[in-house]
Protein backbone atom coordinates (compact mmCIF):
# COMPACT_ATOMS: atom_id res chain seq x y z
CA MET A 1 74.12 170.54 7.11
CA SER A 2 72.70 172.03 3.91
CA SER A 3 72.51 175.78 3.36
CA SER A 4 68.71 175.68 3.68
CA GLU A 5 69.01 173.74 6.94
CA SER A 6 71.59 176.21 8.16
CA GLY A 7 69.22 179.12 7.54
CA GLU A 8 66.35 177.28 9.19
CA ASN A 9 68.45 176.51 12.27
CA GLU A 10 69.75 180.05 12.67
CA CYS A 11 68.26 181.66 15.74
CA MET A 12 68.25 185.29 16.87
CA CYS A 13 68.71 185.83 20.59
CA TRP A 14 70.11 188.11 23.27
CA ALA A 15 73.21 186.86 25.08
CA ALA A 16 75.64 187.84 27.82
CA ARG A 17 79.31 187.69 26.77
CA ASP A 18 81.03 188.11 30.15
CA PRO A 19 80.32 188.41 33.92
CA SER A 20 79.08 191.97 33.51
CA GLY A 21 75.87 190.20 32.54
CA LEU A 22 75.10 192.81 29.92
CA LEU A 23 72.87 191.30 27.23
CA SER A 24 72.95 192.25 23.56
CA PRO A 25 71.79 190.81 20.22
CA HIS A 26 73.46 187.60 19.12
CA THR A 27 72.89 184.75 16.66
CA ILE A 28 73.14 181.05 17.48
CA THR A 29 72.44 177.80 15.65
CA ARG A 30 69.77 175.43 16.95
CA ARG A 31 69.92 171.71 16.23
CA SER A 32 67.79 170.22 13.46
CA VAL A 33 64.50 168.64 14.52
CA ALA A 34 65.12 164.97 15.38
CA ASN A 35 62.46 162.26 15.41
CA ASP A 36 61.35 162.97 19.00
CA ASP A 37 61.77 166.75 18.91
CA VAL A 38 59.39 169.68 18.90
CA SER A 39 60.42 173.02 17.41
CA LEU A 40 58.57 176.04 18.68
CA LYS A 41 58.44 179.70 17.86
CA ILE A 42 58.95 181.43 21.20
CA THR A 43 56.33 184.10 21.81
CA HIS A 44 57.14 184.91 25.45
CA CYS A 45 59.81 184.23 28.04
CA GLY A 46 59.60 184.95 31.76
CA VAL A 47 62.49 186.60 33.60
CA CYS A 48 63.77 184.68 36.64
CA TYR A 49 66.43 185.57 39.20
CA ALA A 50 68.36 182.60 37.79
CA ASP A 51 68.90 184.75 34.69
CA VAL A 52 70.76 187.26 36.88
CA ILE A 53 72.81 184.55 38.60
CA TRP A 54 74.15 182.94 35.46
CA THR A 55 74.53 185.94 33.19
CA ARG A 56 76.69 187.46 35.95
CA ASN A 57 78.57 184.22 36.75
CA LYS A 58 77.54 184.24 40.40
CA HIS A 59 78.21 180.50 40.69
CA GLY A 60 81.46 180.56 38.72
CA ASP A 61 80.25 178.12 36.05
CA SER A 62 78.76 180.37 33.35
CA LYS A 63 79.56 179.41 29.77
CA TYR A 64 79.63 182.44 27.49
CA PRO A 65 78.04 183.52 25.26
CA LEU A 66 75.13 182.72 27.57
CA VAL A 67 71.49 182.92 26.47
CA PRO A 68 69.24 182.87 29.59
CA GLY A 69 65.54 182.17 29.98
CA HIS A 70 63.75 179.06 31.28
CA GLU A 71 60.11 180.19 31.42
CA ILE A 72 59.28 179.66 27.76
CA ALA A 73 55.93 179.80 25.99
CA GLY A 74 55.36 179.51 22.27
CA ILE A 75 53.72 177.82 19.30
CA VAL A 76 54.77 174.57 17.64
CA THR A 77 56.16 175.04 14.13
CA LYS A 78 57.54 171.55 13.42
CA VAL A 79 57.51 168.08 15.00
CA GLY A 80 59.65 164.99 14.50
CA SER A 81 58.30 161.79 12.95
CA ASN A 82 57.93 160.04 16.34
CA VAL A 83 56.11 162.91 18.06
CA HIS A 84 52.47 162.11 18.80
CA GLY A 85 51.68 164.42 21.73
CA PHE A 86 52.07 167.70 19.83
CA LYS A 87 51.19 169.07 16.42
CA VAL A 88 51.96 172.23 14.49
CA GLY A 89 50.00 175.15 15.93
CA ASP A 90 49.82 173.82 19.50
CA HIS A 91 50.61 176.19 22.34
CA VAL A 92 53.50 174.78 24.34
CA GLY A 93 55.71 175.59 27.31
CA VAL A 94 59.29 174.67 28.20
CA GLY A 95 60.56 174.97 31.75
CA THR A 96 63.81 174.74 33.66
CA TYR A 97 65.19 171.55 32.08
CA VAL A 98 65.24 170.05 28.59
CA ASN A 99 66.75 166.60 29.10
CA SER A 100 67.36 163.83 31.62
CA CYS A 101 68.51 160.20 31.53
CA ARG A 102 64.93 158.85 31.09
CA GLU A 103 66.01 155.59 32.76
CA CYS A 104 66.36 156.18 36.51
CA GLU A 105 63.64 155.68 39.12
CA TYR A 106 62.91 159.42 39.20
CA CYS A 107 62.56 159.80 35.45
CA ASN A 108 60.39 156.70 35.36
CA ASP A 109 58.16 158.29 38.00
CA GLY A 110 57.76 161.57 36.08
CA GLN A 111 60.19 163.32 38.45
CA GLU A 112 62.78 164.20 35.82
CA VAL A 113 63.78 167.32 37.78
CA SER A 114 65.44 164.90 40.25
CA CYS A 115 67.09 162.68 37.61
CA ALA A 116 69.75 160.50 39.24
CA LYS A 117 72.25 161.40 36.53
CA GLY A 118 71.34 165.07 36.64
CA GLN A 119 68.79 166.98 34.59
CA VAL A 120 70.01 169.15 31.72
CA PHE A 121 69.10 172.76 32.42
CA THR A 122 67.43 174.81 29.69
CA PHE A 123 70.36 177.21 29.54
CA ASN A 124 74.01 176.91 30.53
CA GLY A 125 73.62 173.13 30.75
CA ILE A 126 75.60 170.46 28.94
CA ASP A 127 73.29 168.40 26.74
CA HIS A 128 73.90 164.75 25.91
CA ASP A 129 75.62 165.68 22.64
CA GLY A 130 78.09 167.89 24.52
CA SER A 131 76.56 171.16 23.38
CA VAL A 132 75.79 174.02 25.77
CA THR A 133 72.06 174.70 26.07
CA LYS A 134 70.75 178.15 25.17
CA GLY A 135 67.57 179.49 26.71
CA GLY A 136 64.42 181.37 25.86
CA TYR A 137 65.72 184.88 25.19
CA SER A 138 65.58 183.71 21.57
CA ASN A 139 63.07 183.39 18.76
CA HIS A 140 62.87 179.60 18.60
CA ILE A 141 64.00 176.45 20.40
CA VAL A 142 64.11 172.71 19.67
CA VAL A 143 63.26 170.42 22.59
CA HIS A 144 62.55 166.69 23.03
CA GLU A 145 58.77 166.33 23.34
CA ARG A 146 59.04 164.83 26.84
CA TYR A 147 60.08 168.22 28.21
CA CYS A 148 57.36 170.23 26.49
CA TYR A 149 53.99 171.04 28.06
CA LYS A 150 50.60 171.63 26.52
CA ILE A 151 49.32 175.10 27.31
CA PRO A 152 45.51 175.13 27.11
CA VAL A 153 44.54 177.14 24.04
CA ASP A 154 42.45 179.67 25.98
CA TYR A 155 45.24 180.41 28.47
CA PRO A 156 47.34 183.48 27.51
CA LEU A 157 50.89 182.58 26.49
CA GLU A 158 52.34 185.58 28.30
CA SER A 159 50.70 184.38 31.53
CA ALA A 160 51.79 180.78 31.02
CA ALA A 161 55.51 181.60 30.83
CA PRO A 162 56.08 182.37 34.56
CA LEU A 163 54.25 179.21 35.58
CA LEU A 164 57.12 177.12 34.16
CA CYS A 165 59.44 178.12 37.02
CA ALA A 166 57.83 180.50 39.52
CA GLY A 167 54.50 178.67 39.45
CA ILE A 168 55.68 175.07 39.59
CA THR A 169 58.31 175.85 42.26
CA VAL A 170 55.55 176.57 44.78
CA TYR A 171 52.80 174.32 43.38
CA ALA A 172 54.89 171.13 43.53
CA PRO A 173 55.73 171.21 47.26
CA MET A 174 52.20 172.29 48.15
CA MET A 175 50.83 169.21 46.39
CA ARG A 176 53.57 166.93 47.74
CA HIS A 177 52.66 167.89 51.30
CA HIS A 178 48.87 167.75 50.72
CA MET A 179 48.34 171.47 51.06
CA ASN A 180 45.36 171.45 48.71
CA GLN A 181 42.87 170.74 51.49
CA PRO A 182 40.41 173.58 52.25
CA GLY A 183 40.60 175.10 55.70
CA LYS A 184 44.30 174.48 56.29
CA SER A 185 46.57 177.40 57.13
CA LEU A 186 49.46 178.48 54.91
CA GLY A 187 52.25 180.94 55.63
CA VAL A 188 54.12 182.56 52.73
CA ILE A 189 57.49 184.20 53.32
CA GLY A 190 58.42 186.69 50.60
CA LEU A 191 56.03 188.29 48.13
CA GLY A 192 57.89 188.18 44.84
CA GLY A 193 57.43 186.07 41.70
CA LEU A 194 57.23 182.81 43.67
CA GLY A 195 55.48 184.12 46.77
CA HIS A 196 52.61 185.78 44.94
CA MET A 197 51.92 182.49 43.11
CA ALA A 198 51.90 180.62 46.45
CA VAL A 199 49.21 183.05 47.65
CA LYS A 200 47.16 182.49 44.49
CA PHE A 201 47.40 178.70 44.77
CA GLY A 202 46.59 178.88 48.47
CA LYS A 203 43.42 180.84 47.79
CA ALA A 204 42.43 178.45 44.99
CA PHE A 205 42.87 175.52 47.40
CA GLY A 206 40.68 177.20 50.01
CA LEU A 207 43.47 177.83 52.52
CA ASN A 208 43.84 180.58 55.10
CA VAL A 209 46.88 182.44 53.77
CA THR A 210 49.19 184.60 55.88
CA VAL A 211 51.87 186.64 54.12
CA PHE A 212 55.05 187.52 56.01
CA SER A 213 57.13 190.51 54.95
CA THR A 214 59.63 192.96 56.39
CA SER A 215 57.93 195.78 54.51
CA ILE A 216 54.61 197.36 55.51
CA SER A 217 54.30 198.62 51.93
CA LYS A 218 53.42 195.05 50.90
CA LYS A 219 50.33 194.93 53.13
CA GLU A 220 47.88 196.56 50.71
CA GLU A 221 48.84 194.34 47.77
CA ALA A 222 48.95 191.16 49.87
CA LEU A 223 45.47 191.64 51.28
CA ASN A 224 43.59 193.53 48.58
CA LEU A 225 45.36 192.69 45.33
CA LEU A 226 46.20 189.03 46.01
CA GLY A 227 43.49 188.25 48.56
CA ALA A 228 45.61 186.93 51.43
CA THR A 229 43.75 186.33 54.69
CA ASN A 230 46.36 187.95 56.91
CA PHE A 231 49.51 190.06 56.69
CA VAL A 232 52.28 190.08 59.28
CA ILE A 233 55.40 192.21 59.64
CA SER A 234 57.94 189.53 60.49
CA SER A 235 60.03 191.88 62.62
CA ASP A 236 57.07 192.67 64.87
CA HIS A 237 57.49 190.38 67.88
CA ASP A 238 53.90 190.78 69.08
CA GLN A 239 52.38 189.96 65.68
CA MET A 240 54.60 186.88 65.38
CA LYS A 241 53.90 185.75 68.97
CA ALA A 242 50.17 185.90 68.32
CA LEU A 243 50.53 183.30 65.56
CA GLU A 244 52.51 180.67 67.50
CA LYS A 245 51.52 177.09 66.62
CA SER A 246 48.82 178.26 64.20
CA LEU A 247 50.09 177.27 60.73
CA ASP A 248 49.98 173.88 59.03
CA PHE A 249 52.55 174.77 56.40
CA ILE A 250 55.06 177.51 55.57
CA ILE A 251 56.60 178.04 52.16
CA ASP A 252 59.73 180.18 52.29
CA THR A 253 60.56 181.89 48.99
CA ALA A 254 63.17 184.29 50.41
CA SER A 255 66.72 183.87 49.14
CA GLY A 256 68.27 186.55 51.34
CA ASP A 257 69.72 185.45 54.68
CA HIS A 258 67.13 185.46 57.45
CA ALA A 259 66.31 183.82 60.78
CA PHE A 260 64.36 180.56 60.67
CA ASP A 261 63.44 179.94 64.30
CA PRO A 262 60.85 182.76 64.55
CA TYR A 263 58.93 181.15 61.68
CA MET A 264 59.39 177.55 62.85
CA SER A 265 57.62 178.41 66.12
CA LEU A 266 54.54 179.44 64.11
CA LEU A 267 53.98 175.89 62.87
CA LYS A 268 51.49 173.60 64.53
CA ILE A 269 52.72 170.34 66.03
CA ALA A 270 53.98 168.23 63.08
CA GLY A 271 53.74 171.20 60.73
CA THR A 272 55.94 171.50 57.64
CA TYR A 273 58.36 174.23 56.57
CA VAL A 274 59.42 174.10 52.91
CA LEU A 275 62.35 176.14 51.65
CA VAL A 276 62.43 176.99 47.94
CA GLY A 277 64.80 179.96 48.18
CA PHE A 278 68.58 179.75 48.50
CA PRO A 279 69.90 181.66 51.52
CA SER A 280 73.59 181.13 52.25
CA GLU A 281 72.90 179.06 55.38
CA ILE A 282 70.17 177.55 57.56
CA LYS A 283 70.32 177.78 61.35
CA ILE A 284 67.55 176.19 63.39
CA SER A 285 67.28 175.26 67.04
CA PRO A 286 66.88 171.46 67.28
CA ALA A 287 64.20 172.04 69.92
CA ASN A 288 62.05 173.84 67.35
CA LEU A 289 62.11 170.71 65.21
CA ASN A 290 62.10 167.95 67.82
CA LEU A 291 59.69 169.29 70.44
CA GLY A 292 57.22 170.34 67.79
CA MET A 293 57.74 167.19 65.68
CA ARG A 294 58.09 169.59 62.75
CA MET A 295 59.50 168.91 59.31
CA LEU A 296 61.99 171.05 57.38
CA ALA A 297 61.97 170.22 53.68
CA GLY A 298 63.47 171.55 50.48
CA SER A 299 62.07 171.63 46.97
CA LEU A 300 63.17 172.51 43.45
CA THR A 301 60.75 172.92 40.54
CA GLY A 302 58.74 169.88 39.47
CA GLY A 303 58.63 166.84 37.21
CA THR A 304 56.87 166.74 33.87
CA LYS A 305 53.71 165.12 35.22
CA ILE A 306 52.98 167.68 37.94
CA THR A 307 54.00 170.60 35.71
CA GLN A 308 51.34 169.65 33.17
CA GLU A 309 48.85 169.18 36.01
CA MET A 310 49.62 172.71 37.27
CA LEU A 311 49.12 174.28 33.83
CA ASP A 312 45.75 172.57 33.50
CA PHE A 313 44.80 173.62 37.04
CA CYS A 314 45.64 177.27 36.34
CA ALA A 315 43.58 177.23 33.16
CA ALA A 316 40.61 175.55 34.85
CA HIS A 317 40.63 177.95 37.82
CA LYS A 318 41.62 181.07 35.89
CA ILE A 319 44.79 181.63 37.93
CA TYR A 320 47.11 184.13 36.27
CA PRO A 321 50.45 185.48 37.51
CA ASN A 322 50.74 189.26 37.84
CA ILE A 323 53.13 190.25 35.08
CA GLU A 324 54.81 193.23 33.47
CA VAL A 325 55.37 192.60 29.76
CA ILE A 326 58.50 194.16 28.25
CA PRO A 327 60.26 194.19 24.88
CA ILE A 328 63.62 192.39 24.73
CA GLN A 329 65.32 195.78 24.32
CA LYS A 330 64.42 196.56 27.97
CA ILE A 331 65.95 193.36 29.39
CA ASN A 332 69.08 194.88 30.94
CA GLU A 333 66.96 197.44 32.77
CA ALA A 334 64.55 194.69 33.82
CA LEU A 335 67.34 192.52 35.26
CA GLU A 336 68.53 195.48 37.34
CA ARG A 337 64.97 195.91 38.61
CA VAL A 338 64.81 192.19 39.47
CA VAL A 339 67.91 192.64 41.63
CA LYS A 340 66.24 195.60 43.35
CA LYS A 341 62.97 193.62 43.73
CA ASP A 342 61.24 196.33 41.74
CA VAL A 343 58.72 194.20 39.86
CA LYS A 344 55.14 193.09 40.56
CA TYR A 345 55.61 190.28 40.20
CA ARG A 346 57.23 188.80 37.11
CA PHE A 347 58.70 190.32 33.98
CA VAL A 348 57.74 188.59 30.76
CA ILE A 349 59.57 189.34 27.52
CA ASP A 350 57.36 189.79 24.45
CA ILE A 351 59.70 187.84 22.18
CA GLN A 352 57.48 187.60 19.12
CA ASN A 353 56.97 191.34 18.79
CA SER A 354 60.41 192.62 19.79
CA LEU A 355 63.02 190.04 18.73
CA LYS A 356 63.08 190.26 14.96
């Protein structure tokens, strides 16, 4: 690598060095732009609970120094000679993965998130060259064009960032299970970064949306700020009983441990319950599944095809996540607030104006 290349590939970032998860300024080296690559200047990066998990080594597999961030929005600065889908100046997004085998049935179907050989995560993953991936808490990134998304030019980059994980995580299962049909009834468990997007998509699809929460303090924002049809305190037996067999679909965004049977009984016959959170266990009475002919399904984020579709849908219908924009210098405080669920509803780091 020449000295000019070395300078060009140098990248400022914030990284965690150990399981304390404390982030501080750091410098890494990005790869040179290959024929199929897109290099982008990162303008914004959303903050996801995954950033807490891996900076603090909650799964025991963190590779330090670790640069988190997988809700990336920015502007193309350079493209490889084989790149035809992007040009310098385009607004682009990068989500939760940056590589896959590109050969299996899932990759061939635009479902790279389910790659048979395993997708390469945007940070703390092992790329095909053996390097450890570094995420979006940085001022630029180089990604194969297949894993980049066009952000419509009139859609704010700071709003686009959270769509690349929080948005697609709820949009993908809603589309997979045909929950874009007006008049159907949707239940949303949890009103955080994912849950509030499920409410927004539900309203855009013309659904009757019921939000479930353990906190009465969420009622005002669920009904008046986000426009949900109904709000239910999940611990209130009478409120829950009144909704038995009334919902077509439930999307559960809660990662804390909670009971499933009270919610399963709210589904209509042959209704669907989709879990996108990660509680430590699932316990369900077989009768709740079998007698009601109900389905319990899981979901991750989404493939490249549906992610692009979601971005275009949000732009066309003017759907924007509720965000709190912060400078990178406030990231440690923000991660603590994420743990305490003290954010409405997604932090977004203003990379371009604070990481210099």
